[in-house]
Amino acid sequence: MTTTEPSSPGRVLGGRYRLVRPVARGGMGEVWLAEDALLDRRVALKSLLLGAFPDAPELRRRAFREAKALARVAHPGIVGIYDVLVDGDDPWIVMELVRGVSLADVLAERATLPERDAARTALALLDALDAAHRSGVVHRDVKPANIMVEDDGRVRLIDFGIAYVGGASKLTRTGLIVGTADYLAPERIKGADAGPPADLWSLGVVLFEALEGRSPFRRGEGADAPSATLWAVMNEPPPRPVASGRLAGPVLRLLEKDPAARLTSDALRRALRRVLAPPAPARGPVVVDRPIGCGGVVDREPPDEPPTRADAGPRRAAGPRPPGRAGDPGERVAGRVPPGVRADELARMLAGTDADGAAAMLRDVPPETVRDALSRVGARLAGPVLRRLPRQRAAQVLAAGSARTAGALLAAVLAERGTGGRVDGRAAAHAAAVLQMLGSAPAAGAVAGLDTRAAVAVLSAMPPDEAARILARAEPRAAAEILGALPPAAASRVIGAMPVRPLCAALGYVPPAVVADLLRAAGGSRTETILRNLDRPVREKVRRRL
């Protein structure tokens, strides 16, 4: 016998747990509300229906090992595990009872979450996943149905039933994929080992769905849907977010198909905290990030709710503007850019205003049109305009063009007027933030369009793991030139974060003496791994200098 007898209310398991009623059922088992007679409390019991899998005895042993590992992960965002028992031939996991609703139910009712609510939810899930990953546990089935929102608002991650513990044998055999197609990372579909980046991919899908109201890769209907969805995950880029605001860039970075290029946990945490940080007090016109497709210069943060007619008060007739007064950017925008405006017409309009006014005019114009118009007006205006656009909006404009165009626009952002071509440090910080919102390939293409001095300035202004992600997708010779020009301390940190294969491809173009210096500064256990992956002639020359 490979499965338990059918469960029913009143059945007692392990001599102490009485089943009350079923709560949920999925492909891996069923969950029951139960009463613990020994401790007089209510718990949740999950059965793992392993009879459908080959090698059921080994899987039962595996379930016990995983339950022990999960029981050691003490984190308020992860449902607690109390006990494991076997009744019949299937193991049952005794878990903390979570009172609330699933995120799937919340999204079914509300369709989407506001940006801050989505960021707060994602940050809670990230904390829980980080705790599990530090203990060697990967969830492998992060999805809205496995995310509970308790009555007090706390977010909990549940159902590690198909998780695996690092170092143990796989729960599934070759060719058998367990999980939900929409949320499977590409490397899992390929059958590769699924590490923490696979959970971050799934979190990216959840975040996209919470913000956009739809799954980015779900395709088809009926029996063909899983196959069509898996094909989309493997082969199609995610659709461009239209309602994700400041989280659009991080979400797309989480959905990088190459796990080595995917947004890291630390970088995601920084992005989420930026969204949740209280806004700084406004002093005059400030740049405000608006949802994708908008942006511009406004006088203050927009209210959460528009004022009612009664709250708004009587409107005052607009009088003549005093001579020389700039006026309100919002007033200047009204009616200035008609829908469907051509790039050449928009360029003529931009040429007749200053950078602040131009940035305000562009807030509702398609990114492709903005790109073409800024390419026409020249770097002296395009650079200041892009600096004044919200970072999200500037990233859209760069992503809308070719690598060559993106590089030219980025160079305009970095140029400081009247300094003989010197890179403006403040602009470098803005450009770095914009690049971090792009996928690895377009960001690398934009950097490739800069001269080495400008590329070093912008990459030095971002965290090393972000610079490493971009250089990993750059052409090896260009990456080598940038690595060689970075300050030694910064270069060593980037080397420590880059995937080994693209790093070694780039180091092949760096003089061996410089490679030796960089590896010596980087230190750590990666040195031998990097040396083993260098071409033999380069490796021997570098070893002689270490």
Protein backbone atom coordinates (compact mmCIF):
# COMPACT_ATOMS: atom_id res chain seq x y z
CA MET A 1 0.00 0.00 0.00
CA THR A 2 1.43 3.37 -1.01
CA THR A 3 -1.18 5.82 0.19
CA THR A 4 -3.24 6.35 3.28
CA GLU A 5 -6.90 5.49 3.51
CA PRO A 6 -9.17 8.41 2.59
CA SER A 7 -9.10 11.07 5.27
CA SER A 8 -12.35 12.01 6.95
CA PRO A 9 -13.46 14.27 9.84
CA GLY A 10 -13.01 12.64 13.23
CA ARG A 11 -10.12 10.45 12.18
CA VAL A 12 -7.28 10.44 14.75
CA LEU A 13 -3.64 10.43 13.60
CA GLY A 14 -0.67 9.59 15.75
CA GLY A 15 -2.92 8.93 18.70
CA ARG A 16 -3.46 12.66 19.35
CA TYR A 17 -4.43 14.68 16.26
CA ARG A 18 -8.16 14.57 15.40
CA LEU A 19 -9.06 15.81 11.91
CA VAL A 20 -11.78 18.46 11.96
CA ARG A 21 -12.26 19.57 8.36
CA PRO A 22 -10.24 19.89 5.15
CA VAL A 23 -8.71 23.28 4.47
CA ALA A 24 -6.97 22.86 1.10
CA ARG A 25 -5.85 20.25 -1.36
CA GLY A 26 -3.13 20.40 -3.98
CA GLY A 27 -0.91 18.25 -6.14
CA MET A 28 1.37 17.36 -3.22
CA GLY A 29 -1.22 16.59 -0.55
CA GLU A 30 -4.10 17.87 1.53
CA VAL A 31 -4.26 20.20 4.51
CA TRP A 32 -6.63 19.65 7.43
CA LEU A 33 -7.65 21.66 10.44
CA ALA A 34 -7.02 19.37 13.42
CA GLU A 35 -7.17 19.36 17.20
CA ASP A 36 -4.15 18.34 19.26
CA ALA A 37 -5.69 16.40 22.17
CA LEU A 38 -2.43 16.34 24.13
CA LEU A 39 -1.79 20.10 24.17
CA ASP A 40 -5.42 21.18 23.64
CA ARG A 41 -4.75 23.43 20.64
CA ARG A 42 -5.70 23.63 17.01
CA VAL A 43 -3.07 22.84 14.37
CA ALA A 44 -2.81 22.32 10.63
CA LEU A 45 -1.94 18.87 9.32
CA LYS A 46 -0.59 18.38 5.81
CA SER A 47 -0.33 14.98 4.19
CA LEU A 48 2.28 14.36 1.52
CA LEU A 49 0.66 12.04 -1.02
CA LEU A 50 3.77 10.27 -2.21
CA GLY A 51 2.11 7.25 -3.76
CA ALA A 52 2.05 8.98 -7.15
CA PHE A 53 5.85 9.26 -7.12
CA PRO A 54 8.40 6.56 -7.78
CA ASP A 55 10.78 5.65 -4.96
CA ALA A 56 8.16 6.45 -2.32
CA PRO A 57 10.21 4.98 0.61
CA GLU A 58 13.13 7.30 -0.17
CA LEU A 59 10.75 10.23 -0.52
CA ARG A 60 9.25 9.51 2.89
CA ARG A 61 12.73 9.57 4.43
CA ARG A 62 13.38 12.77 2.57
CA ALA A 63 10.20 14.36 3.93
CA PHE A 64 11.37 13.68 7.48
CA ARG A 65 14.77 15.24 6.78
CA GLU A 66 13.17 18.34 5.28
CA ALA A 67 10.72 18.71 8.14
CA LYS A 68 13.60 18.61 10.61
CA ALA A 69 15.49 21.26 8.65
CA LEU A 70 12.42 23.50 8.39
CA ALA A 71 11.70 23.11 12.11
CA ARG A 72 15.10 24.69 12.74
CA VAL A 73 14.22 27.77 10.66
CA ALA A 74 12.74 30.04 13.30
CA HIS A 75 11.34 33.11 11.58
CA PRO A 76 8.06 34.98 12.10
CA GLY A 77 7.42 34.95 8.36
CA ILE A 78 7.58 31.15 8.06
CA VAL A 79 4.88 28.87 9.39
CA GLY A 80 6.21 26.80 12.31
CA ILE A 81 6.49 23.00 12.16
CA TYR A 82 5.61 21.09 15.34
CA ASP A 83 5.79 17.42 14.46
CA VAL A 84 6.01 14.77 11.72
CA LEU A 85 4.23 11.43 11.81
CA VAL A 86 3.41 8.53 9.50
CA ASP A 87 -0.08 7.14 9.23
CA GLY A 88 -0.48 4.36 6.74
CA ASP A 89 2.38 4.91 4.32
CA ASP A 90 2.26 8.69 3.90
CA PRO A 91 3.93 11.23 6.18
CA TRP A 92 1.91 14.02 7.78
CA ILE A 93 3.46 17.33 8.84
CA VAL A 94 1.98 19.04 11.89
CA MET A 95 2.17 22.80 11.46
CA GLU A 96 1.21 26.02 13.15
CA LEU A 97 -2.32 27.06 12.27
CA VAL A 98 -2.33 30.35 10.37
CA ARG A 99 -5.55 32.36 10.50
CA GLY A 100 -6.06 34.59 7.52
CA VAL A 101 -6.46 34.52 3.75
CA SER A 102 -4.06 33.65 0.99
CA LEU A 103 -2.59 36.31 -1.27
CA ALA A 104 -4.32 34.45 -4.11
CA ASP A 105 -7.68 35.20 -2.47
CA VAL A 106 -6.68 38.83 -1.93
CA LEU A 107 -5.72 39.25 -5.59
CA ALA A 108 -8.87 37.45 -6.74
CA GLU A 109 -10.91 40.06 -4.89
CA ARG A 110 -8.81 43.19 -5.45
CA ALA A 111 -6.94 42.32 -8.69
CA THR A 112 -3.84 44.33 -7.71
CA LEU A 113 -2.03 45.78 -4.73
CA PRO A 114 -0.91 49.41 -4.37
CA GLU A 115 2.81 49.91 -4.85
CA ARG A 116 3.61 50.31 -1.14
CA ASP A 117 1.49 47.31 -0.12
CA ALA A 118 3.19 45.18 -2.76
CA ALA A 119 6.62 46.37 -1.59
CA ARG A 120 5.75 45.67 2.05
CA THR A 121 4.52 42.16 1.18
CA ALA A 122 7.59 41.41 -0.94
CA LEU A 123 9.94 42.61 1.80
CA ALA A 124 8.28 40.31 4.35
CA LEU A 125 8.57 37.37 1.95
CA LEU A 126 12.19 38.23 1.19
CA ASP A 127 13.01 38.19 4.91
CA ALA A 128 11.41 34.75 5.23
CA LEU A 129 13.18 33.37 2.16
CA ASP A 130 16.55 34.73 3.31
CA ALA A 131 16.10 32.94 6.65
CA ALA A 132 15.29 29.68 4.86
CA HIS A 133 18.17 30.06 2.42
CA ARG A 134 20.65 30.64 5.23
CA SER A 135 19.60 27.25 6.59
CA GLY A 136 20.05 25.60 3.20
CA VAL A 137 16.33 25.35 2.46
CA VAL A 138 14.84 26.39 -0.89
CA HIS A 139 11.06 26.68 -1.07
CA ARG A 140 10.58 25.95 -4.82
CA ASP A 141 6.86 26.76 -4.82
CA VAL A 142 6.55 30.46 -3.97
CA LYS A 143 3.17 31.55 -5.32
CA PRO A 144 0.16 33.57 -4.07
CA ALA A 145 -1.62 30.44 -2.83
CA ASN A 146 1.33 29.72 -0.52
CA ILE A 147 1.44 33.24 0.92
CA MET A 148 -0.89 33.89 3.83
CA VAL A 149 -2.01 37.30 5.05
CA GLU A 150 -3.07 36.97 8.67
CA ASP A 151 -5.90 38.90 10.26
CA ASP A 152 -3.41 41.34 11.80
CA GLY A 153 -1.74 41.93 8.42
CA ARG A 154 1.34 39.77 8.98
CA VAL A 155 2.58 37.98 5.85
CA ARG A 156 3.53 34.30 6.25
CA LEU A 157 5.14 31.88 3.82
CA ILE A 158 3.62 28.40 4.00
CA ASP A 159 3.86 25.00 2.32
CA PHE A 160 7.48 23.98 2.04
CA GLY A 161 6.15 20.56 1.01
CA ILE A 162 8.24 20.39 -2.15
CA ALA A 163 11.23 22.28 -0.80
CA TYR A 164 14.63 20.66 -0.79
CA VAL A 165 17.51 20.97 1.58
CA GLY A 166 20.93 21.74 0.13
CA GLY A 167 23.15 18.68 0.03
CA ALA A 168 20.30 16.15 0.07
CA SER A 169 19.03 14.11 -2.86
CA LYS A 170 16.38 15.63 -5.08
CA LEU A 171 12.71 15.23 -4.28
CA THR A 172 11.90 14.63 -7.91
CA ARG A 173 13.48 12.39 -10.50
CA THR A 174 14.85 13.54 -13.83
CA GLY A 175 12.03 14.59 -16.12
CA LEU A 176 9.52 15.09 -13.32
CA ILE A 177 8.88 18.72 -12.38
CA VAL A 178 6.95 19.57 -9.26
CA GLY A 179 5.53 23.04 -8.83
CA THR A 180 3.20 25.51 -10.54
CA ALA A 181 4.14 26.29 -14.14
CA ASP A 182 3.60 30.08 -13.87
CA TYR A 183 6.15 30.42 -11.07
CA LEU A 184 8.83 27.90 -12.10
CA ALA A 185 12.25 29.41 -12.72
CA PRO A 186 13.81 28.54 -16.11
CA GLU A 187 16.64 26.59 -14.48
CA ARG A 188 14.12 24.34 -12.74
CA ILE A 189 12.43 23.59 -16.06
CA LYS A 190 15.83 22.63 -17.47
CA GLY A 191 16.29 20.22 -14.56
CA ALA A 192 19.24 22.11 -13.09
CA ASP A 193 19.79 22.46 -9.35
CA ALA A 194 17.43 25.09 -7.99
CA GLY A 195 19.17 27.43 -5.57
CA PRO A 196 17.97 30.63 -3.92
CA PRO A 197 17.78 32.51 -7.27
CA ALA A 198 14.91 30.19 -8.25
CA ASP A 199 12.88 31.42 -5.28
CA LEU A 200 13.69 35.02 -6.22
CA TRP A 201 12.39 34.36 -9.74
CA SER A 202 9.12 33.06 -8.27
CA LEU A 203 8.94 36.11 -6.00
CA GLY A 204 9.36 38.28 -9.10
CA VAL A 205 6.40 36.56 -10.76
CA VAL A 206 4.31 37.06 -7.61
CA LEU A 207 5.30 40.74 -7.46
CA PHE A 208 4.49 41.25 -11.16
CA GLU A 209 1.08 39.64 -10.66
CA ALA A 210 0.33 41.70 -7.55
CA LEU A 211 1.20 44.96 -9.33
CA GLU A 212 -0.07 44.29 -12.84
CA GLY A 213 -3.08 42.08 -12.10
CA ARG A 214 -1.96 39.21 -14.34
CA SER A 215 0.70 36.55 -14.53
CA PRO A 216 3.56 37.48 -16.88
CA PHE A 217 3.92 34.01 -18.42
CA ARG A 218 0.56 32.24 -18.07
CA ARG A 219 -0.54 31.10 -21.50
CA GLY A 220 -3.33 29.04 -23.00
CA GLU A 221 -6.28 27.29 -21.42
CA GLY A 222 -7.23 23.78 -20.46
CA ALA A 223 -4.88 20.84 -20.92
CA ASP A 224 -2.47 22.82 -23.13
CA ALA A 225 -1.96 25.65 -20.65
CA PRO A 226 0.96 24.15 -18.65
CA SER A 227 3.01 23.37 -21.77
CA ALA A 228 2.35 26.78 -23.30
CA THR A 229 3.23 28.47 -20.00
CA LEU A 230 6.48 26.53 -19.61
CA TRP A 231 7.44 27.47 -23.16
CA ALA A 232 6.78 31.14 -22.39
CA VAL A 233 8.91 30.99 -19.24
CA MET A 234 11.81 29.53 -21.21
CA ASN A 235 11.59 31.57 -24.41
CA GLU A 236 9.57 34.77 -24.06
CA PRO A 237 10.67 37.99 -22.35
CA PRO A 238 8.32 39.23 -19.65
CA PRO A 239 5.84 41.86 -20.83
CA ARG A 240 6.66 45.47 -20.06
CA PRO A 241 5.04 46.50 -16.77
CA VAL A 242 2.47 49.27 -17.11
CA ALA A 243 1.38 49.80 -13.50
CA SER A 244 4.39 48.82 -11.38
CA GLY A 245 5.79 52.29 -10.78
CA ARG A 246 9.21 52.29 -9.14
CA LEU A 247 9.13 48.51 -8.82
CA ALA A 248 9.00 47.89 -12.59
CA GLY A 249 12.79 47.78 -12.90
CA PRO A 250 13.39 45.41 -9.94
CA VAL A 251 10.57 43.13 -11.12
CA LEU A 252 12.08 42.80 -14.59
CA ARG A 253 15.49 42.17 -13.04
CA LEU A 254 14.03 39.35 -10.94
CA LEU A 255 12.74 37.79 -14.17
CA GLU A 256 16.16 37.48 -15.80
CA LYS A 257 16.30 33.99 -17.26
CA ASP A 258 19.98 33.60 -16.35
CA PRO A 259 20.09 33.06 -12.55
CA ALA A 260 23.57 34.60 -12.42
CA ALA A 261 22.18 37.84 -13.84
CA ARG A 262 19.08 37.89 -11.65
CA LEU A 263 18.55 40.60 -9.04
CA THR A 264 20.16 39.58 -5.77
CA SER A 265 18.41 39.52 -2.43
CA ASP A 266 20.41 42.50 -1.16
CA ALA A 267 19.68 44.59 -4.25
CA LEU A 268 15.97 43.74 -4.07
CA ARG A 269 15.90 44.69 -0.41
CA ARG A 270 17.39 48.11 -1.23
CA ALA A 271 14.81 48.69 -3.97
CA LEU A 272 11.90 47.75 -1.70
CA ARG A 273 13.14 49.96 1.11
CA ARG A 274 13.43 52.91 -1.27
CA VAL A 275 9.75 52.51 -2.13
CA LEU A 276 8.78 52.24 1.54
CA ALA A 277 10.94 55.15 2.71
CA PRO A 278 8.93 58.23 3.73
CA PRO A 279 9.14 60.99 1.12
CA ALA A 280 11.49 63.87 1.84
CA PRO A 281 9.84 67.25 2.49
CA ALA A 282 9.30 69.04 -0.79
CA ARG A 283 11.20 72.30 -1.33
CA GLY A 284 10.13 73.83 -4.58
CA PRO A 285 9.73 71.68 -7.69
CA VAL A 286 10.89 68.09 -7.11
CA VAL A 287 11.11 65.05 -9.31
CA VAL A 288 8.50 62.46 -8.34
CA ASP A 289 8.46 58.89 -9.58
CA ARG A 290 5.07 58.15 -11.06
CA PRO A 291 3.65 54.92 -12.49
CA ILE A 292 5.21 53.74 -15.72
CA GLY A 293 4.20 55.86 -18.68
CA CYS A 294 4.03 59.01 -16.55
CA GLY A 295 6.65 61.04 -14.73
CA GLY A 296 7.73 64.64 -14.76
CA VAL A 297 8.16 67.64 -12.49
CA VAL A 298 5.46 68.57 -10.01
CA ASP A 299 5.27 70.92 -7.05
CA ARG A 300 4.47 68.31 -4.42
CA GLU A 301 3.66 64.65 -3.96
CA PRO A 302 0.20 63.86 -5.35
CA PRO A 303 -2.35 63.01 -2.64
CA ASP A 304 -3.44 59.39 -2.19
CA GLU A 305 -7.00 60.37 -3.06
CA PRO A 306 -8.09 63.29 -5.25
CA PRO A 307 -9.93 66.00 -3.33
CA THR A 308 -13.68 66.01 -3.57
CA ARG A 309 -15.51 69.00 -5.04
CA ALA A 310 -16.37 70.17 -1.56
CA ASP A 311 -12.77 69.87 -0.38
CA ALA A 312 -11.31 71.57 -3.41
CA GLY A 313 -12.91 74.93 -2.74
CA PRO A 314 -13.81 77.50 -5.38
CA ARG A 315 -11.56 77.77 -8.36
CA ARG A 316 -9.75 81.05 -8.87
CA ALA A 317 -9.64 82.44 -12.34
CA ALA A 318 -6.19 82.39 -13.85
CA GLY A 319 -4.82 85.88 -14.24
CA PRO A 320 -1.92 87.08 -16.36
CA ARG A 321 1.47 85.74 -15.31
CA PRO A 322 3.96 88.35 -14.11
CA PRO A 323 6.82 88.95 -16.55
CA GLY A 324 9.79 86.66 -16.05
CA ARG A 325 7.97 84.21 -13.80
CA ALA A 326 8.56 80.58 -14.74
CA GLY A 327 5.07 79.46 -13.82
CA ASP A 328 3.85 76.10 -12.59
CA PRO A 329 5.23 73.19 -14.62
CA GLY A 330 1.87 71.47 -14.44
CA GLU A 331 0.24 74.51 -16.08
CA ARG A 332 2.86 74.57 -18.81
CA VAL A 333 2.21 70.94 -19.63
CA ALA A 334 -1.52 71.32 -20.17
CA GLY A 335 -2.31 71.06 -23.87
CA ARG A 336 1.29 71.40 -25.00
CA VAL A 337 1.92 67.85 -26.26
CA PRO A 338 -0.97 66.49 -28.34
CA PRO A 339 -1.51 62.71 -28.49
CA GLY A 340 0.36 61.03 -31.32
CA VAL A 341 2.91 63.81 -31.65
CA ARG A 342 5.80 62.98 -33.98
CA ALA A 343 9.37 62.94 -32.70
CA ASP A 344 10.46 65.82 -34.97
CA GLU A 345 7.56 67.97 -33.79
CA LEU A 346 8.31 67.13 -30.16
CA ALA A 347 11.99 67.99 -30.67
CA ARG A 348 11.03 71.48 -31.92
CA MET A 349 8.79 71.94 -28.88
CA LEU A 350 11.56 70.86 -26.49
CA ALA A 351 14.07 73.18 -28.09
CA GLY A 352 11.91 76.15 -27.12
CA THR A 353 11.89 75.47 -23.37
CA ASP A 354 14.27 74.79 -20.50
CA ALA A 355 15.14 71.38 -19.03
CA ASP A 356 12.52 71.56 -16.26
CA GLY A 357 9.76 72.45 -18.66
CA ALA A 358 10.88 69.80 -21.15
CA ALA A 359 10.86 67.10 -18.48
CA ALA A 360 7.34 68.07 -17.47
CA MET A 361 6.18 67.97 -21.10
CA LEU A 362 7.43 64.40 -21.54
CA ARG A 363 5.55 62.75 -18.71
CA ASP A 364 2.78 61.26 -20.89
CA VAL A 365 4.67 60.80 -24.16
CA PRO A 366 5.54 57.23 -25.27
CA PRO A 367 9.18 56.35 -24.46
CA GLU A 368 10.00 55.64 -28.10
CA THR A 369 8.92 59.15 -29.10
CA VAL A 370 10.88 60.67 -26.21
CA ARG A 371 13.96 58.72 -27.27
CA ASP A 372 13.77 59.94 -30.86
CA ALA A 373 13.06 63.53 -29.83
CA LEU A 374 15.96 63.66 -27.37
CA SER A 375 18.26 62.19 -30.01
CA ARG A 376 17.37 65.16 -32.22
CA VAL A 377 17.79 67.99 -29.71
CA GLY A 378 21.43 67.20 -28.90
CA ALA A 379 23.33 66.34 -25.75
CA ARG A 380 23.27 69.87 -24.27
CA LEU A 381 19.50 69.60 -23.70
CA ALA A 382 18.97 65.82 -23.70
CA GLY A 383 21.33 65.29 -20.76
CA PRO A 384 19.71 67.80 -18.37
CA VAL A 385 16.23 66.61 -19.38
CA LEU A 386 17.07 62.98 -18.63
CA ARG A 387 18.55 64.01 -15.28
CA ARG A 388 15.26 65.65 -14.35
CA LEU A 389 13.08 62.74 -15.41
CA PRO A 390 12.22 60.21 -12.69
CA ARG A 391 14.66 57.32 -12.77
CA GLN A 392 11.95 54.88 -13.83
CA ARG A 393 10.98 57.11 -16.74
CA ALA A 394 14.58 57.62 -17.82
CA ALA A 395 15.07 53.83 -17.75
CA GLN A 396 12.07 53.40 -20.06
CA VAL A 397 13.56 55.84 -22.54
CA LEU A 398 16.94 54.08 -22.56
CA ALA A 399 15.29 50.66 -22.87
CA ALA A 400 13.22 51.84 -25.86
CA GLY A 401 16.25 52.32 -28.09
CA SER A 402 19.20 50.42 -29.44
CA ALA A 403 22.34 49.95 -27.38
CA ARG A 404 24.05 52.66 -29.41
CA THR A 405 21.23 55.17 -28.80
CA ALA A 406 21.04 54.27 -25.11
CA GLY A 407 24.79 54.77 -24.79
CA ALA A 408 24.62 58.19 -26.46
CA LEU A 409 21.78 59.32 -24.19
CA LEU A 410 23.56 57.98 -21.12
CA ALA A 411 26.71 59.87 -22.16
CA ALA A 412 24.62 63.05 -22.37
CA VAL A 413 23.38 62.46 -18.82
CA LEU A 414 26.97 62.11 -17.57
CA ALA A 415 28.42 65.13 -19.35
CA GLU A 416 29.02 68.20 -17.16
CA ARG A 417 28.85 71.44 -19.08
CA GLY A 418 31.86 73.72 -19.04
CA THR A 419 34.30 71.15 -17.60
CA GLY A 420 36.00 69.92 -20.74
CA GLY A 421 34.18 66.58 -20.76
CA ARG A 422 34.66 65.76 -17.07
CA VAL A 423 32.06 63.36 -15.68
CA ASP A 424 29.57 64.93 -13.29
CA GLY A 425 29.56 62.89 -10.07
CA ARG A 426 25.93 63.67 -9.24
CA ALA A 427 24.87 62.68 -12.72
CA ALA A 428 26.85 59.44 -12.37
CA ALA A 429 24.75 58.51 -9.33
CA HIS A 430 21.55 59.23 -11.30
CA ALA A 431 22.77 57.23 -14.30
CA ALA A 432 23.77 54.33 -12.03
CA ALA A 433 20.30 54.22 -10.49
CA VAL A 434 18.72 54.25 -13.96
CA LEU A 435 20.95 51.43 -15.21
CA GLN A 436 20.06 49.26 -12.23
CA MET A 437 16.43 49.33 -13.38
CA LEU A 438 17.33 47.83 -16.77
CA GLY A 439 17.83 44.21 -17.60
CA SER A 440 21.41 42.98 -17.83
CA ALA A 441 21.66 43.00 -21.62
CA PRO A 442 20.30 46.53 -22.27
CA ALA A 443 22.31 47.91 -19.34
CA ALA A 444 25.47 46.33 -20.71
CA GLY A 445 24.69 47.71 -24.16
CA ALA A 446 24.28 51.21 -22.77
CA VAL A 447 27.56 51.01 -20.85
CA ALA A 448 29.30 49.79 -24.01
CA GLY A 449 28.31 53.08 -25.66
CA LEU A 450 30.28 55.12 -23.09
CA ASP A 451 33.94 55.90 -23.10
CA THR A 452 35.95 54.11 -20.43
CA ARG A 453 36.14 57.09 -18.10
CA ALA A 454 32.36 57.55 -18.10
CA ALA A 455 31.71 53.81 -17.74
CA VAL A 456 34.01 53.65 -14.72
CA ALA A 457 32.24 56.62 -13.13
CA VAL A 458 28.77 55.16 -13.46
CA LEU A 459 29.72 51.62 -12.42
CA SER A 460 31.64 52.96 -9.42
CA ALA A 461 28.45 54.70 -8.27
CA MET A 462 26.49 51.45 -7.89
CA PRO A 463 26.86 48.44 -5.57
CA PRO A 464 29.50 45.91 -6.71
CA ASP A 465 26.96 43.17 -7.35
CA GLU A 466 25.06 45.46 -9.72
CA ALA A 467 28.22 46.45 -11.59
CA ALA A 468 29.17 42.77 -11.79
CA ARG A 469 25.76 41.87 -13.24
CA ILE A 470 26.14 44.43 -16.02
CA LEU A 471 29.76 43.65 -16.85
CA ALA A 472 28.90 39.94 -17.02
CA ARG A 473 26.75 40.68 -20.08
CA ALA A 474 29.17 43.12 -21.71
CA GLU A 475 31.49 42.19 -24.56
CA PRO A 476 34.60 40.64 -22.89
CA ARG A 477 37.06 43.13 -24.36
CA ALA A 478 34.96 46.09 -23.19
CA ALA A 479 34.49 44.52 -19.75
CA ALA A 480 38.25 43.98 -19.52
CA GLU A 481 38.98 47.62 -20.31
CA ILE A 482 36.55 48.78 -17.62
CA LEU A 483 37.86 46.31 -15.02
CA GLY A 484 41.39 47.49 -15.68
CA ALA A 485 40.37 51.14 -15.26
CA LEU A 486 38.34 50.72 -12.07
CA PRO A 487 40.07 51.67 -8.80
CA PRO A 488 41.71 48.49 -7.42
CA ALA A 489 39.42 48.25 -4.39
CA ALA A 490 36.29 48.63 -6.51
CA ALA A 491 37.60 46.22 -9.16
CA SER A 492 38.32 43.56 -6.55
CA ARG A 493 34.77 43.80 -5.20
CA VAL A 494 33.30 43.52 -8.69
CA ILE A 495 35.50 40.52 -9.45
CA GLY A 496 34.28 38.89 -6.27
CA ALA A 497 30.67 39.26 -7.45
CA MET A 498 30.94 38.35 -11.16
CA PRO A 499 30.05 34.88 -12.43
CA VAL A 500 33.23 32.95 -13.17
CA ARG A 501 32.73 32.29 -16.90
CA PRO A 502 32.19 35.90 -18.13
CA LEU A 503 34.79 37.11 -15.64
CA CYS A 504 37.46 34.80 -17.03
CA ALA A 505 36.50 35.72 -20.60
CA ALA A 506 37.15 39.37 -19.72
CA LEU A 507 40.34 38.70 -17.75
CA GLY A 508 41.79 37.07 -20.85
CA TYR A 509 42.16 40.60 -22.28
CA VAL A 510 43.71 42.09 -19.13
CA PRO A 511 47.53 42.05 -18.77
CA PRO A 512 48.56 39.13 -16.51
CA ALA A 513 50.30 41.46 -14.06
CA VAL A 514 47.07 43.43 -13.62
CA VAL A 515 45.05 40.20 -13.25
CA ALA A 516 47.43 39.06 -10.52
CA ASP A 517 47.05 42.36 -8.70
CA LEU A 518 43.25 42.19 -8.96
CA LEU A 519 43.09 38.60 -7.70
CA ARG A 520 45.48 39.41 -4.88
CA ALA A 521 43.28 42.34 -3.83
CA ALA A 522 40.08 40.30 -4.14
CA GLY A 523 41.49 37.39 -2.12
CA GLY A 524 39.08 34.73 -0.87
CA SER A 525 38.45 31.20 -2.01
CA ARG A 526 37.44 32.21 -5.57
CA THR A 527 41.02 32.80 -6.67
CA GLU A 528 41.72 29.14 -7.43
CA THR A 529 38.37 28.74 -9.18
CA ILE A 530 39.09 31.76 -11.38
CA LEU A 531 42.60 30.51 -12.16
CA ARG A 532 41.29 27.09 -13.20
CA ASN A 533 38.92 28.72 -15.68
CA LEU A 534 41.47 31.01 -17.32
CA ASP A 535 43.09 29.95 -20.56
CA ARG A 536 46.24 27.99 -19.82
CA PRO A 537 48.78 30.56 -21.15
CA VAL A 538 47.11 33.34 -19.16
CA ARG A 539 46.79 31.14 -16.08
CA GLU A 540 50.49 30.28 -16.07
CA LYS A 541 51.53 33.93 -16.46
CA VAL A 542 49.20 35.01 -13.66
CA ARG A 543 50.38 32.24 -11.31
CA ARG A 544 53.98 33.35 -11.74
CA ARG A 545 53.01 36.82 -10.54
CA LEU A 546 50.91 35.80 -7.57
